[in-house]
Every structure is written in structure tokens, then in C-alpha cells.
């Protein structure tokens, strides 16, 4: 047989079958490798998602802790001011239904806790604004001199007005002289009465000191008395 002869028949069929058997495992290996790569990519996506979720929870937890400190500080200050206004202590403690509702709202993890704390902070700030608006109409929250003037001022005008009324009713005479003499020590009396009245009318917390502005009060009590006394003295001397 010549070397160039082509082999036909059963031998050629066996060669083709052998080549097919070699090709089929290679295809199966490529398919398995593709499935492995897809699974690896899916696993990496899950890992990245889990890491991102964990990082987000950690950031939410840290922000929630900071928010909690702010809310606690604001609530402590509000409780102190409300106690000064006479609000009962039991009214400043959350009731069991409120605690249950708060626990339910924070059951969703750090993000839900952060959202609840932000809502609480907004309510606390709204309450602060309401208290500030109320304090504007309360003399106890005014500056010390303006507040104390409400007490020193009327007391300082009582005796001078009485002196002027006596002079207007009796004219120049003994009664006017008596009123003038009696009015000389009255600024000191008005100052003492104002000092006591400020302590009774305006309350402060035990840790604060009530500013009675004694020098300012002495000036307020003295000026009207000096002016009226000098005017009446001139009238008496002229008469």
C-alpha cells in the first residue's frame, strides 16, 4: 500500500470518534469555567453590598450617637427651665405609651434611630422657640436694670408725688414744709423696699444669683426726690 493512500472504512471512523471525545471535555471545561466566573462575580457583588451596608450602618450609628448627645443636652436644659416655671416633675417624664411608641420607631436599626432622633431634635428646637417667645413677655427674663426699674421706679415716685399733691392742696405753708422734711429720708426707704420687692417678684434657680442692681436702684430712687425737693424748696423760699 502506498503511503499517500487514504484510509477509509472502520479505522477512519475510530479516529473521528476519538477526536470527538477529546473535544467534548474541553467544551464542558469552558462551560464550568464560565459558571465559576459568574459565581465569583456574584459573590464579589454580595460582598461589596454587605461591606457598603455595614459601612452605612456604622456611619448611621456614629451620627445617631452624636445626635443623641445634642438631644440630651437640649432636653436637660428644657427640663430645668420648665421646673423653674413650676411644671411638675412627673410631667417631664415620658409615659409608658410614649416609651412604647419610641421603641417601635427605633426597631429598624441605626438608620431608624437616627431618623427618630432627628425628629426629637426638631421638636425640642420648636419647644425652645416657644419658650423663648414666652420669655420675651416675662419681665423675669428681661435685662436686670430694665426689670428692676419696674420695681424701683414706682417706689421712687410715690413720695415726690405726695409732696407735690400736698403743696398743690395747701400752698406754701407748714404742711408743705412738713411734707418736704418727711420726704428727705424716703429715697432710702424706697431703695430698701425695692430691694425686698425684687427678691419676692423675680425668682431665679438656686444656682444663680439675683442681680438687684443696687447702685442703679439708688440712683432711680434719689433723682425724683432730689428734683422735687429742690423745686419745692425754691417755691417755699420764693413764697
C-alpha atoms as a PDB file:
ATOM      1  CA  UNK A   1       0.000   0.000   0.000  1.00  0.00           C
ATOM      2  CA  UNK A   2       1.246   3.395  -0.870  1.00  0.00           C
ATOM      3  CA  UNK A   3       1.955   5.907   1.933  1.00  0.00           C
ATOM      4  CA  UNK A   4      -0.238   8.512   0.300  1.00  0.00           C
ATOM      5  CA  UNK A   5      -3.231   6.177   0.311  1.00  0.00           C
ATOM      6  CA  UNK A   6      -6.227   7.326   2.227  1.00  0.00           C
ATOM      7  CA  UNK A   7      -7.548   5.003   4.875  1.00  0.00           C
ATOM      8  CA  UNK A   8     -11.244   4.525   4.672  1.00  0.00           C
ATOM      9  CA  UNK A   9     -13.671   2.349   6.453  1.00  0.00           C
ATOM     10  CA  UNK A  10     -13.865   1.448  10.136  1.00  0.00           C
ATOM     11  CA  UNK A  11     -10.404   2.765  11.007  1.00  0.00           C
ATOM     12  CA  UNK A  12     -11.294   6.309   9.900  1.00  0.00           C
ATOM     13  CA  UNK A  13     -14.483   6.199  11.941  1.00  0.00           C
ATOM     14  CA  UNK A  14     -12.495   5.252  15.055  1.00  0.00           C
ATOM     15  CA  UNK A  15     -10.171   8.218  14.554  1.00  0.00           C
ATOM     16  CA  UNK A  16     -13.091  10.638  14.210  1.00  0.00           C
ATOM     17  CA  UNK A  17     -14.746   9.258  17.299  1.00  0.00           C
ATOM     18  CA  UNK A  18     -11.540   9.708  19.275  1.00  0.00           C
ATOM     19  CA  UNK A  19     -11.252  13.361  18.179  1.00  0.00           C
ATOM     20  CA  UNK A  20     -14.883  13.991  19.191  1.00  0.00           C
ATOM     21  CA  UNK A  21     -14.288  12.525  22.620  1.00  0.00           C
ATOM     22  CA  UNK A  22     -11.310  14.852  23.102  1.00  0.00           C
ATOM     23  CA  UNK A  23     -13.274  17.917  22.012  1.00  0.00           C
ATOM     24  CA  UNK A  24     -16.297  17.295  24.249  1.00  0.00           C
ATOM     25  CA  UNK A  25     -14.463  17.555  27.650  1.00  0.00           C
ATOM     26  CA  UNK A  26     -12.824  20.808  26.527  1.00  0.00           C
ATOM     27  CA  UNK A  27     -16.264  22.337  25.914  1.00  0.00           C
ATOM     28  CA  UNK A  28     -17.502  21.123  29.273  1.00  0.00           C
ATOM     29  CA  UNK A  29     -14.457  22.645  30.976  1.00  0.00           C
ATOM     30  CA  UNK A  30     -15.106  26.017  29.293  1.00  0.00           C
ATOM     31  CA  UNK A  31     -18.717  25.987  30.461  1.00  0.00           C
ATOM     32  CA  UNK A  32     -17.713  25.141  34.034  1.00  0.00           C
ATOM     33  CA  UNK A  33     -15.132  27.943  33.996  1.00  0.00           C
ATOM     34  CA  UNK A  34     -17.743  30.442  32.802  1.00  0.00           C
ATOM     35  CA  UNK A  35     -20.103  29.338  35.572  1.00  0.00           C
ATOM     36  CA  UNK A  36     -17.294  29.710  38.105  1.00  0.00           C
ATOM     37  CA  UNK A  37     -16.533  33.242  36.924  1.00  0.00           C
ATOM     38  CA  UNK A  38     -20.207  34.193  37.094  1.00  0.00           C
ATOM     39  CA  UNK A  39     -20.490  32.800  40.636  1.00  0.00           C
ATOM     40  CA  UNK A  40     -17.295  34.642  41.658  1.00  0.00           C
ATOM     41  CA  UNK A  41     -18.625  37.893  40.275  1.00  0.00           C
ATOM     42  CA  UNK A  42     -21.941  37.376  42.047  1.00  0.00           C
ATOM     43  CA  UNK A  43     -20.160  36.589  45.321  1.00  0.00           C
ATOM     44  CA  UNK A  44     -17.992  39.685  44.958  1.00  0.00           C
ATOM     45  CA  UNK A  45     -21.121  41.782  44.383  1.00  0.00           C
ATOM     46  CA  UNK A  46     -22.713  40.342  47.514  1.00  0.00           C
ATOM     47  CA  UNK A  47     -19.529  41.027  49.482  1.00  0.00           C
ATOM     48  CA  UNK A  48     -19.373  44.618  48.262  1.00  0.00           C
ATOM     49  CA  UNK A  49     -23.048  45.165  49.067  1.00  0.00           C
ATOM     50  CA  UNK A  50     -22.566  43.736  52.561  1.00  0.00           C
ATOM     51  CA  UNK A  51     -19.499  45.923  53.139  1.00  0.00           C
ATOM     52  CA  UNK A  52     -21.368  49.015  51.938  1.00  0.00           C
ATOM     53  CA  UNK A  53     -24.346  48.201  54.167  1.00  0.00           C
ATOM     54  CA  UNK A  54     -22.058  47.638  57.155  1.00  0.00           C
ATOM     55  CA  UNK A  55     -20.275  50.932  56.498  1.00  0.00           C
ATOM     56  CA  UNK A  56     -23.584  52.751  56.179  1.00  0.00           C
ATOM     57  CA  UNK A  57     -24.802  51.266  59.447  1.00  0.00           C
ATOM     58  CA  UNK A  58     -21.569  52.256  61.186  1.00  0.00           C
ATOM     59  CA  UNK A  59     -21.890  55.845  59.914  1.00  0.00           C
ATOM     60  CA  UNK A  60     -25.544  55.952  60.939  1.00  0.00           C
ATOM     61  CA  UNK A  61     -24.676  54.638  64.402  1.00  0.00           C
ATOM     62  CA  UNK A  62     -21.952  57.255  64.867  1.00  0.00           C
ATOM     63  CA  UNK A  63     -24.238  60.053  63.675  1.00  0.00           C
ATOM     64  CA  UNK A  64     -27.003  58.755  65.951  1.00  0.00           C
ATOM     65  CA  UNK A  65     -24.664  58.890  68.964  1.00  0.00           C
ATOM     66  CA  UNK A  66     -23.763  62.499  68.188  1.00  0.00           C
ATOM     67  CA  UNK A  67     -27.426  63.372  67.655  1.00  0.00           C
ATOM     68  CA  UNK A  68     -28.322  61.704  70.951  1.00  0.00           C
ATOM     69  CA  UNK A  69     -25.817  63.857  72.846  1.00  0.00           C
ATOM     70  CA  UNK A  70     -27.301  67.027  71.327  1.00  0.00           C
ATOM     71  CA  UNK A  71     -30.865  65.937  72.117  1.00  0.00           C
ATOM     72  CA  UNK A  72     -29.958  65.009  75.700  1.00  0.00           C
ATOM     73  CA  UNK A  73     -28.298  68.365  76.298  1.00  0.00           C
ATOM     74  CA  UNK A  74     -31.268  70.259  74.906  1.00  0.00           C
ATOM     75  CA  UNK A  75     -33.788  68.235  76.911  1.00  0.00           C
ATOM     76  CA  UNK A  76     -31.828  68.725  80.146  1.00  0.00           C
ATOM     77  CA  UNK A  77     -31.834  72.495  79.618  1.00  0.00           C
ATOM     78  CA  UNK A  78     -35.550  72.452  78.825  1.00  0.00           C
ATOM     79  CA  UNK A  79     -36.354  70.424  81.922  1.00  0.00           C
ATOM     80  CA  UNK A  80     -34.509  72.907  84.107  1.00  0.00           C
ATOM     81  CA  UNK A  81     -36.380  75.877  82.621  1.00  0.00           C
ATOM     82  CA  UNK A  82     -39.723  74.104  82.888  1.00  0.00           C
ATOM     83  CA  UNK A  83     -39.072  73.284  86.552  1.00  0.00           C
ATOM     84  CA  UNK A  84     -38.361  76.973  87.146  1.00  0.00           C
ATOM     85  CA  UNK A  85     -41.742  77.753  85.579  1.00  0.00           C
ATOM     86  CA  UNK A  86     -43.431  75.412  88.036  1.00  0.00           C
ATOM     87  CA  UNK A  87     -44.065  72.403  85.791  1.00  0.00           C
ATOM     88  CA  UNK A  88     -44.406  69.208  87.911  1.00  0.00           C
ATOM     89  CA  UNK A  89     -41.510  66.776  87.620  1.00  0.00           C
ATOM     90  CA  UNK A  90     -43.849  63.898  86.726  1.00  0.00           C
ATOM     91  CA  UNK A  91     -44.967  65.805  83.629  1.00  0.00           C
ATOM     92  CA  UNK A  92     -41.366  65.869  82.374  1.00  0.00           C
ATOM     93  CA  UNK A  93     -41.031  62.059  82.369  1.00  0.00           C
ATOM     94  CA  UNK A  94     -42.250  60.082  79.315  1.00  0.00           C
ATOM     95  CA  UNK A  95     -45.307  57.915  79.882  1.00  0.00           C
ATOM     96  CA  UNK A  96     -45.337  54.138  79.141  1.00  0.00           C
ATOM     97  CA  UNK A  97     -47.271  54.580  75.856  1.00  0.00           C
ATOM     98  CA  UNK A  98     -44.736  57.164  74.727  1.00  0.00           C
ATOM     99  CA  UNK A  99     -41.871  54.803  75.567  1.00  0.00           C
ATOM    100  CA  UNK A 100     -43.570  52.001  73.634  1.00  0.00           C
ATOM    101  CA  UNK A 101     -44.064  54.202  70.597  1.00  0.00           C
ATOM    102  CA  UNK A 102     -40.442  55.381  70.749  1.00  0.00           C
ATOM    103  CA  UNK A 103     -39.177  51.791  70.973  1.00  0.00           C
ATOM    104  CA  UNK A 104     -41.300  50.803  67.985  1.00  0.00           C
ATOM    105  CA  UNK A 105     -39.981  53.676  65.912  1.00  0.00           C
ATOM    106  CA  UNK A 106     -36.361  52.701  66.628  1.00  0.00           C
ATOM    107  CA  UNK A 107     -36.682  48.983  65.900  1.00  0.00           C
ATOM    108  CA  UNK A 108     -35.403  49.330  62.334  1.00  0.00           C
ATOM    109  CA  UNK A 109     -31.715  49.698  63.140  1.00  0.00           C
ATOM    110  CA  UNK A 110     -29.328  52.680  63.281  1.00  0.00           C
ATOM    111  CA  UNK A 111     -30.974  54.477  60.363  1.00  0.00           C
ATOM    112  CA  UNK A 112     -34.383  54.360  62.064  1.00  0.00           C
ATOM    113  CA  UNK A 113     -32.840  55.501  65.360  1.00  0.00           C
ATOM    114  CA  UNK A 114     -31.150  58.419  63.607  1.00  0.00           C
ATOM    115  CA  UNK A 115     -34.422  59.429  61.954  1.00  0.00           C
ATOM    116  CA  UNK A 116     -36.260  59.281  65.298  1.00  0.00           C
ATOM    117  CA  UNK A 117     -33.559  61.351  66.995  1.00  0.00           C
ATOM    118  CA  UNK A 118     -33.748  63.989  64.275  1.00  0.00           C
ATOM    119  CA  UNK A 119     -37.500  64.192  64.750  1.00  0.00           C
ATOM    120  CA  UNK A 120     -36.983  64.552  68.509  1.00  0.00           C
ATOM    121  CA  UNK A 121     -34.380  67.266  67.949  1.00  0.00           C
ATOM    122  CA  UNK A 122     -36.783  69.186  65.711  1.00  0.00           C
ATOM    123  CA  UNK A 123     -39.482  69.027  68.369  1.00  0.00           C
ATOM    124  CA  UNK A 124     -37.031  70.140  71.051  1.00  0.00           C
ATOM    125  CA  UNK A 125     -35.946  73.117  68.951  1.00  0.00           C
ATOM    126  CA  UNK A 126     -39.589  74.048  68.358  1.00  0.00           C
ATOM    127  CA  UNK A 127     -40.164  73.897  72.122  1.00  0.00           C
ATOM    128  CA  UNK A 128     -37.117  76.128  72.674  1.00  0.00           C
ATOM    129  CA  UNK A 129     -38.554  78.660  70.244  1.00  0.00           C
ATOM    130  CA  UNK A 130     -41.882  78.589  72.080  1.00  0.00           C
ATOM    131  CA  UNK A 131     -40.172  79.102  75.439  1.00  0.00           C
ATOM    132  CA  UNK A 132     -38.083  81.955  74.040  1.00  0.00           C
ATOM    133  CA  UNK A 133     -41.210  83.649  72.675  1.00  0.00           C
ATOM    134  CA  UNK A 134     -42.857  83.293  76.059  1.00  0.00           C
ATOM    135  CA  UNK A 135     -39.848  84.688  77.903  1.00  0.00           C
ATOM    136  CA  UNK A 136     -39.993  87.873  75.826  1.00  0.00           C
ATOM    137  CA  UNK A 137     -43.239  88.722  77.594  1.00  0.00           C
ATOM    138  CA  UNK A 138     -41.972  87.851  81.064  1.00  0.00           C
ATOM    139  CA  UNK A 139     -40.128  90.616  82.977  1.00  0.00           C
ATOM    140  CA  UNK A 140     -38.055  87.975  84.774  1.00  0.00           C
ATOM    141  CA  UNK A 141     -36.238  87.280  81.510  1.00  0.00           C
ATOM    142  CA  UNK A 142     -35.517  90.935  80.734  1.00  0.00           C
ATOM    143  CA  UNK A 143     -32.162  92.646  81.413  1.00  0.00           C
ATOM    144  CA  UNK A 144     -31.608  93.266  85.123  1.00  0.00           C
ATOM    145  CA  UNK A 145     -31.825  97.073  85.009  1.00  0.00           C
ATOM    146  CA  UNK A 146     -34.962  97.156  82.878  1.00  0.00           C
ATOM    147  CA  UNK A 147     -36.594  94.517  85.060  1.00  0.00           C
ATOM    148  CA  UNK A 148     -35.664  96.221  88.344  1.00  0.00           C
ATOM    149  CA  UNK A 149     -36.837  99.578  87.035  1.00  0.00           C
ATOM    150  CA  UNK A 150     -40.374  98.186  87.191  1.00  0.00           C
ATOM    151  CA  UNK A 151     -39.953  97.996  90.976  1.00  0.00           C
ATOM    152  CA  UNK A 152     -37.650 100.926  91.800  1.00  0.00           C
ATOM    153  CA  UNK A 153     -39.422 103.384  89.523  1.00  0.00           C
ATOM    154  CA  UNK A 154     -42.927 103.402  91.086  1.00  0.00           C
ATOM    155  CA  UNK A 155     -41.488 103.380  94.617  1.00  0.00           C
ATOM    156  CA  UNK A 156     -39.234 106.317  93.770  1.00  0.00           C
ATOM    157  CA  UNK A 157     -42.219 108.367  92.523  1.00  0.00           C
ATOM    158  CA  UNK A 158     -44.588 107.745  95.443  1.00  0.00           C
ATOM    159  CA  UNK A 159     -43.200 110.277  97.926  1.00  0.00           C
ATOM    160  CA  UNK A 160     -42.441 113.067  95.398  1.00  0.00           C
ATOM    161  CA  UNK A 161     -45.982 112.800  94.052  1.00  0.00           C
ATOM    162  CA  UNK A 162     -47.354 113.030  97.615  1.00  0.00           C
ATOM    163  CA  UNK A 163     -45.210 116.107  98.261  1.00  0.00           C
ATOM    164  CA  UNK A 164     -46.456 117.801  95.113  1.00  0.00           C
ATOM    165  CA  UNK A 165     -50.068 116.898  95.979  1.00  0.00           C
ATOM    166  CA  UNK A 166     -49.708 118.404  99.487  1.00  0.00           C
ATOM    167  CA  UNK A 167     -48.160 121.580  98.096  1.00  0.00           C
ATOM    168  CA  UNK A 168     -50.900 121.879  95.461  1.00  0.00           C
ATOM    169  CA  UNK A 169     -53.604 121.407  98.106  1.00  0.00           C
ATOM    170  CA  UNK A 170     -52.215 123.633 100.889  1.00  0.00           C
ATOM    171  CA  UNK A 171     -49.904 126.015  99.085  1.00  0.00           C
ATOM    172  CA  UNK A 172     -46.895 127.476 100.832  1.00  0.00           C
ATOM    173  CA  UNK A 173     -47.278 126.685 104.497  1.00  0.00           C
ATOM    174  CA  UNK A 174     -46.491 124.398 107.361  1.00  0.00           C
ATOM    175  CA  UNK A 175     -47.928 121.351 105.644  1.00  0.00           C
ATOM    176  CA  UNK A 176     -45.638 121.806 102.639  1.00  0.00           C
ATOM    177  CA  UNK A 177     -42.639 122.213 104.912  1.00  0.00           C
ATOM    178  CA  UNK A 178     -43.600 119.061 106.848  1.00  0.00           C
ATOM    179  CA  UNK A 179     -44.030 117.130 103.610  1.00  0.00           C
ATOM    180  CA  UNK A 180     -40.681 118.376 102.394  1.00  0.00           C
ATOM    181  CA  UNK A 181     -38.903 117.322 105.578  1.00  0.00           C
ATOM    182  CA  UNK A 182     -40.592 113.930 105.708  1.00  0.00           C
ATOM    183  CA  UNK A 183     -39.629 113.290 102.105  1.00  0.00           C
ATOM    184  CA  UNK A 184     -35.901 113.683 102.646  1.00  0.00           C
ATOM    185  CA  UNK A 185     -35.197 110.139 104.009  1.00  0.00           C
ATOM    186  CA  UNK A 186     -37.728 108.470 101.742  1.00  0.00           C
ATOM    187  CA  UNK A 187     -35.315 107.581  98.870  1.00  0.00           C
ATOM    188  CA  UNK A 188     -33.505 105.198 101.239  1.00  0.00           C
ATOM    189  CA  UNK A 189     -36.833 103.668 102.261  1.00  0.00           C
ATOM    190  CA  UNK A 190     -37.827 103.260  98.607  1.00  0.00           C
ATOM    191  CA  UNK A 191     -34.492 101.580  97.860  1.00  0.00           C
ATOM    192  CA  UNK A 192     -34.909  99.054 100.668  1.00  0.00           C
ATOM    193  CA  UNK A 193     -38.497  98.342  99.672  1.00  0.00           C
ATOM    194  CA  UNK A 194     -37.435  97.854  96.060  1.00  0.00           C
ATOM    195  CA  UNK A 195     -34.620  95.509  97.090  1.00  0.00           C
ATOM    196  CA  UNK A 196     -37.081  93.327  99.017  1.00  0.00           C
ATOM    197  CA  UNK A 197     -39.720  93.525  96.279  1.00  0.00           C
ATOM    198  CA  UNK A 198     -37.332  92.359  93.560  1.00  0.00           C
ATOM    199  CA  UNK A 199     -36.490  89.275  95.605  1.00  0.00           C
ATOM    200  CA  UNK A 200     -40.184  88.479  96.025  1.00  0.00           C
ATOM    201  CA  UNK A 201     -41.306  89.150  92.455  1.00  0.00           C
ATOM    202  CA  UNK A 202     -38.475  87.669  90.394  1.00  0.00           C
ATOM    203  CA  UNK A 203     -37.298  84.127  91.022  1.00  0.00           C
ATOM    204  CA  UNK A 204     -34.094  82.511  89.782  1.00  0.00           C
ATOM    205  CA  UNK A 205     -32.708  78.997  90.006  1.00  0.00           C
ATOM    206  CA  UNK A 206     -30.797  78.020  93.178  1.00  0.00           C
ATOM    207  CA  UNK A 207     -27.511  78.094  91.276  1.00  0.00           C
ATOM    208  CA  UNK A 208     -27.991  81.682  90.057  1.00  0.00           C
ATOM    209  CA  UNK A 209     -27.713  84.970  91.911  1.00  0.00           C
ATOM    210  CA  UNK A 210     -30.450  87.567  91.564  1.00  0.00           C
ATOM    211  CA  UNK A 211     -28.994  90.866  90.370  1.00  0.00           C
ATOM    212  CA  UNK A 212     -30.802  93.660  92.241  1.00  0.00           C
ATOM    213  CA  UNK A 213     -28.651  96.461  90.684  1.00  0.00           C
ATOM    214  CA  UNK A 214     -28.431  98.325  93.986  1.00  0.00           C
ATOM    215  CA  UNK A 215     -26.464 101.306  92.636  1.00  0.00           C
ATOM    216  CA  UNK A 216     -28.847 101.733  89.738  1.00  0.00           C
ATOM    217  CA  UNK A 217     -31.784 101.459  92.161  1.00  0.00           C
ATOM    218  CA  UNK A 218     -30.303 104.098  94.468  1.00  0.00           C
ATOM    219  CA  UNK A 219     -29.944 106.469  91.528  1.00  0.00           C
ATOM    220  CA  UNK A 220     -33.522 105.837  90.405  1.00  0.00           C
ATOM    221  CA  UNK A 221     -34.885 106.426  93.899  1.00  0.00           C
ATOM    222  CA  UNK A 222     -32.751 109.520  94.531  1.00  0.00           C
ATOM    223  CA  UNK A 223     -33.213 111.528  91.318  1.00  0.00           C
ATOM    224  CA  UNK A 224     -37.002 112.175  91.568  1.00  0.00           C
ATOM    225  CA  UNK A 225     -36.735 113.004  95.265  1.00  0.00           C
ATOM    226  CA  UNK A 226     -33.888 115.467  94.687  1.00  0.00           C
ATOM    227  CA  UNK A 227     -35.638 117.215  91.792  1.00  0.00           C
ATOM    228  CA  UNK A 228     -38.991 117.557  93.587  1.00  0.00           C
ATOM    229  CA  UNK A 229     -37.365 118.600  96.854  1.00  0.00           C
ATOM    230  CA  UNK A 230     -35.275 121.253  95.104  1.00  0.00           C
ATOM    231  CA  UNK A 231     -38.342 122.564  93.249  1.00  0.00           C
ATOM    232  CA  UNK A 232     -40.470 122.754  96.396  1.00  0.00           C
ATOM    233  CA  UNK A 233     -37.624 124.379  98.321  1.00  0.00           C
ATOM    234  CA  UNK A 234     -37.330 127.087  95.680  1.00  0.00           C
ATOM    235  CA  UNK A 235     -41.112 127.641  95.802  1.00  0.00           C
ATOM    236  CA  UNK A 236     -41.022 127.869  99.593  1.00  0.00           C
ATOM    237  CA  UNK A 237     -38.139 130.305  99.545  1.00  0.00           C
ATOM    238  CA  UNK A 238     -39.864 132.402  96.928  1.00  0.00           C
ATOM    239  CA  UNK A 239     -43.048 132.404  98.967  1.00  0.00           C
END
